[in-house]
């Protein structure tokens, strides 16, 4: 399996972390989005959307979209709850991550860290919704160690990717103590280096 990913991307790292956790063999192919490496004819032949992560499976079939890749890689593993309701709750978090978390927390981080924008130049909606997403996580983690049950699931893998670096987007994680503890717990459980 080949994983085409950019190491600055939380969406790419969560695929790498899942493969590592599950001890799946793969070749990491660093694909620098800032240099347009996901827009070359060769890459677009693999993924016409020109996005990373993209996985080329052992049989040559490509698969894109980070959470779809996670679900494929983790099929039958302990990262997907066996209980149908818990599995649906995990999926609920995965969908929420791409719609209500990543577009704000990750975008603020990208604009500040990689485009050099100061916090004052971020669109206020991005900051407001990023804080709301972190607050939602903090509340959900007030009385449970992980997002779904007593062990980490793909929900935790998916959401920890950009949450752990939210400070690079101007968000103060000290305002979200449950999130801070959870980040450490997920990193330890999945052997993710900081």
Protein backbone atom coordinates (compact mmCIF):
# COMPACT_ATOMS: atom_id res chain seq x y z
CA UNK A 1 0.00 0.00 0.00
CA UNK A 2 1.14 3.52 -0.75
CA UNK A 3 -0.02 6.51 1.26
CA UNK A 4 0.36 9.83 -0.54
CA UNK A 5 0.35 12.47 2.16
CA UNK A 6 1.74 15.78 3.31
CA UNK A 7 3.21 15.63 6.81
CA UNK A 8 1.84 19.09 7.64
CA UNK A 9 -1.72 17.81 7.18
CA UNK A 10 -3.68 16.37 10.06
CA UNK A 11 -5.90 14.60 7.54
CA UNK A 12 -2.83 12.79 6.21
CA UNK A 13 -1.33 12.08 9.61
CA UNK A 14 -4.49 10.41 10.89
CA UNK A 15 -4.23 7.91 8.02
CA UNK A 16 -0.56 7.28 8.86
CA UNK A 17 -1.34 6.88 12.58
CA UNK A 18 -4.11 4.39 11.83
CA UNK A 19 -1.86 2.32 9.58
CA UNK A 20 0.89 2.45 12.21
CA UNK A 21 -1.47 1.49 15.06
CA UNK A 22 -2.79 -1.45 13.06
CA UNK A 23 0.74 -2.43 11.95
CA UNK A 24 -0.22 -2.27 8.28
CA UNK A 25 2.72 -2.20 5.88
CA UNK A 26 2.83 0.87 3.65
CA UNK A 27 5.10 3.19 1.76
CA UNK A 28 4.70 6.86 2.70
CA UNK A 29 5.03 9.14 -0.31
CA UNK A 30 5.53 12.71 0.86
CA UNK A 31 3.37 14.93 -1.33
CA UNK A 32 3.98 18.63 -0.70
CA UNK A 33 0.74 20.51 -1.26
CA UNK A 34 2.47 23.88 -0.96
CA UNK A 35 4.60 22.93 -3.98
CA UNK A 36 1.58 21.70 -5.97
CA UNK A 37 2.66 18.06 -5.90
CA UNK A 38 -0.97 16.92 -5.63
CA UNK A 39 -1.76 18.76 -8.88
CA UNK A 40 0.63 16.96 -11.21
CA UNK A 41 -0.80 14.90 -14.09
CA UNK A 42 0.47 11.69 -12.45
CA UNK A 43 -1.22 12.48 -9.14
CA UNK A 44 -4.44 13.66 -10.79
CA UNK A 45 -4.59 10.34 -12.65
CA UNK A 46 -4.65 8.67 -9.22
CA UNK A 47 -7.02 11.18 -7.60
CA UNK A 48 -8.78 13.62 -9.95
CA UNK A 49 -9.70 15.83 -6.95
CA UNK A 50 -5.99 16.49 -6.41
CA UNK A 51 -6.20 16.04 -2.66
CA UNK A 52 -4.15 14.27 -0.05
CA UNK A 53 -4.34 11.88 1.59
CA UNK A 54 -4.78 9.38 -1.18
CA UNK A 55 -4.05 5.71 -0.71
CA UNK A 56 -3.13 3.29 -3.45
CA UNK A 57 -4.14 -0.12 -2.16
CA UNK A 58 -2.05 -3.25 -2.70
CA UNK A 59 -4.18 -4.14 -5.72
CA UNK A 60 -3.68 -0.68 -7.27
CA UNK A 61 -7.10 0.76 -6.50
CA UNK A 62 -7.00 4.35 -5.20
CA UNK A 63 -9.01 5.64 -2.25
CA UNK A 64 -9.30 9.25 -1.12
CA UNK A 65 -10.89 11.26 1.71
CA UNK A 66 -9.22 10.73 5.05
CA UNK A 67 -12.16 9.36 7.00
CA UNK A 68 -13.13 6.94 4.20
CA UNK A 69 -9.53 5.72 4.21
CA UNK A 70 -9.61 5.31 8.01
CA UNK A 71 -12.77 3.23 7.81
CA UNK A 72 -11.29 1.02 5.11
CA UNK A 73 -7.99 0.48 6.92
CA UNK A 74 -9.59 -0.17 10.31
CA UNK A 75 -12.29 -2.58 9.10
CA UNK A 76 -12.58 -5.37 11.70
CA UNK A 77 -10.17 -3.72 14.15
CA UNK A 78 -10.60 -2.43 17.69
CA UNK A 79 -10.74 1.15 16.32
CA UNK A 80 -14.30 0.53 15.11
CA UNK A 81 -16.75 -0.30 17.92
CA UNK A 82 -18.47 -3.68 17.63
CA UNK A 83 -21.74 -2.31 19.02
CA UNK A 84 -23.93 -0.86 16.24
CA UNK A 85 -24.97 2.20 18.25
CA UNK A 86 -21.40 2.99 19.30
CA UNK A 87 -20.28 2.52 15.70
CA UNK A 88 -22.95 5.03 14.60
CA UNK A 89 -21.76 7.46 17.29
CA UNK A 90 -18.21 7.08 15.96
CA UNK A 91 -19.47 7.89 12.46
CA UNK A 92 -21.38 10.86 13.85
CA UNK A 93 -18.07 12.26 15.17
CA UNK A 94 -16.29 11.53 11.88
CA UNK A 95 -18.91 13.46 9.90
CA UNK A 96 -18.91 16.29 12.46
CA UNK A 97 -15.12 16.50 12.27
CA UNK A 98 -15.15 17.21 8.54
CA UNK A 99 -18.08 19.64 8.68
CA UNK A 100 -17.84 21.47 12.00
CA UNK A 101 -14.23 21.12 13.20
CA UNK A 102 -11.69 20.80 10.38
CA UNK A 103 -13.01 23.74 8.28
CA UNK A 104 -12.32 26.08 11.20
CA UNK A 105 -9.55 24.68 13.41
CA UNK A 106 -7.45 23.38 10.52
CA UNK A 107 -8.09 26.38 8.28
CA UNK A 108 -7.06 28.83 11.02
CA UNK A 109 -3.91 26.80 11.59
CA UNK A 110 -3.06 26.69 7.88
CA UNK A 111 -3.61 30.41 7.43
CA UNK A 112 -1.50 31.34 10.44
CA UNK A 113 1.29 28.78 10.28
CA UNK A 114 1.73 28.33 6.55
CA UNK A 115 0.40 31.58 5.07
CA UNK A 116 1.77 33.78 7.87
CA UNK A 117 -1.49 35.54 8.75
CA UNK A 118 -1.81 37.01 12.24
CA UNK A 119 -4.86 36.07 14.30
CA UNK A 120 -6.29 39.54 13.71
CA UNK A 121 -6.56 38.81 9.96
CA UNK A 122 -8.49 35.57 10.32
CA UNK A 123 -12.13 35.69 9.33
CA UNK A 124 -14.05 36.11 12.63
CA UNK A 125 -16.40 33.25 11.68
CA UNK A 126 -13.46 30.84 11.47
CA UNK A 127 -12.27 31.79 14.96
CA UNK A 128 -15.77 31.73 16.46
CA UNK A 129 -16.67 28.35 14.97
CA UNK A 130 -13.27 26.88 15.82
CA UNK A 131 -13.77 27.84 19.46
CA UNK A 132 -17.30 26.40 19.35
CA UNK A 133 -15.94 23.11 18.00
CA UNK A 134 -13.30 22.90 20.72
CA UNK A 135 -15.92 23.75 23.34
CA UNK A 136 -18.16 20.96 21.99
CA UNK A 137 -15.28 18.49 22.30
CA UNK A 138 -14.45 19.70 25.79
CA UNK A 139 -18.04 19.20 26.93
CA UNK A 140 -18.24 15.74 25.35
CA UNK A 141 -15.07 14.68 27.17
CA UNK A 142 -16.11 15.97 30.58
CA UNK A 143 -17.21 12.54 31.82
CA UNK A 144 -15.62 10.01 29.48
CA UNK A 145 -12.04 9.17 28.50
CA UNK A 146 -12.66 8.91 24.74
CA UNK A 147 -15.34 10.15 22.39
CA UNK A 148 -17.11 6.78 22.15
CA UNK A 149 -16.75 4.48 25.12
CA UNK A 150 -13.78 3.48 27.21
CA UNK A 151 -11.28 2.92 24.41
CA UNK A 152 -10.09 4.98 21.46
CA UNK A 153 -11.93 4.72 18.17
CA UNK A 154 -11.54 6.30 14.76
CA UNK A 155 -13.45 9.27 16.17
CA UNK A 156 -10.51 10.00 18.47
CA UNK A 157 -7.92 9.43 15.73
CA UNK A 158 -9.76 11.73 13.37
CA UNK A 159 -10.35 14.55 15.83
CA UNK A 160 -7.01 14.52 17.61
CA UNK A 161 -5.15 15.22 14.36
CA UNK A 162 -5.96 18.93 14.13
CA UNK A 163 -7.05 19.45 17.74
CA UNK A 164 -3.55 18.72 19.07
CA UNK A 165 -2.12 21.57 16.95
CA UNK A 166 -5.03 24.00 17.39
CA UNK A 167 -2.66 26.38 19.19
CA UNK A 168 -0.94 26.96 15.84
CA UNK A 169 -4.26 28.42 14.68
CA UNK A 170 -4.53 30.84 17.57
CA UNK A 171 -6.75 28.67 19.78
CA UNK A 172 -5.67 28.43 23.42
CA UNK A 173 -6.10 24.82 24.49
CA UNK A 174 -5.76 25.90 28.13
CA UNK A 175 -9.39 27.03 27.74
CA UNK A 176 -10.35 23.40 27.09
CA UNK A 177 -8.86 21.29 29.90
CA UNK A 178 -10.79 18.11 29.07
CA UNK A 179 -9.49 18.33 25.52
CA UNK A 180 -5.91 18.73 26.74
CA UNK A 181 -6.13 15.59 28.88
CA UNK A 182 -7.83 13.69 26.05
CA UNK A 183 -5.07 14.64 23.57
CA UNK A 184 -2.47 13.10 25.86
CA UNK A 185 -4.62 10.03 26.41
CA UNK A 186 -5.14 9.47 22.66
CA UNK A 187 -1.49 10.07 21.85
CA UNK A 188 -0.45 7.55 24.50
CA UNK A 189 -3.03 4.95 23.49
CA UNK A 190 -2.09 5.14 19.82
CA UNK A 191 1.65 5.77 20.29
CA UNK A 192 1.50 9.14 18.54
CA UNK A 193 4.58 11.30 19.04
CA UNK A 194 3.91 14.95 19.75
